[in-house]
């Protein structure tokens, strides 16, 4: 077998270091998980209220609103504000309600869907970032605060939107 040789020790060291760095950092890349609310009065931050499958047992995990696929299938409450990251997919369905007690934000790229018969309630202000156009409301969106839609943001669907503040 032929042994590989380096032109210089310095180059070999640098190449080896780069490959080692790439290998180690790729091992720690977090991937999105899929979670479903499972309790009749679920709390966003209680791990026993979430499952890895619809109607399944607890996953002992909570949603990461920056990147996860989140299905609200039972009435769910967040006691704090939430900001949905650019990689998140949130679906409120099965005639359920997601209540956010605090300000909420939706970053460009986030996919938010409220299906017919379901409700998203924000007890605070709602800010939708520039170029956010993957927001579909076929149920109801209730904002008990101010709605701010930045440049080129859009809410689509056949549902209703109401706000107690300015829009």
Foldseek 3Di string as FASTA:
>chain_A
DDDDDDPDPVVVVVVVVVVVVVVVVVVPDDAAAEKEQADQEAEQPQQQRIDSDVNDGGPSDHHDQQAYEYEYQHAYEYCEEEERHLHYEYEYDNLYEYEYEYEYEYEANYAAEYAANYEYEYLEEYEYDAQRARAEYQHEYEYAYYYHYDHNYDYHYNYYYYYPYYD
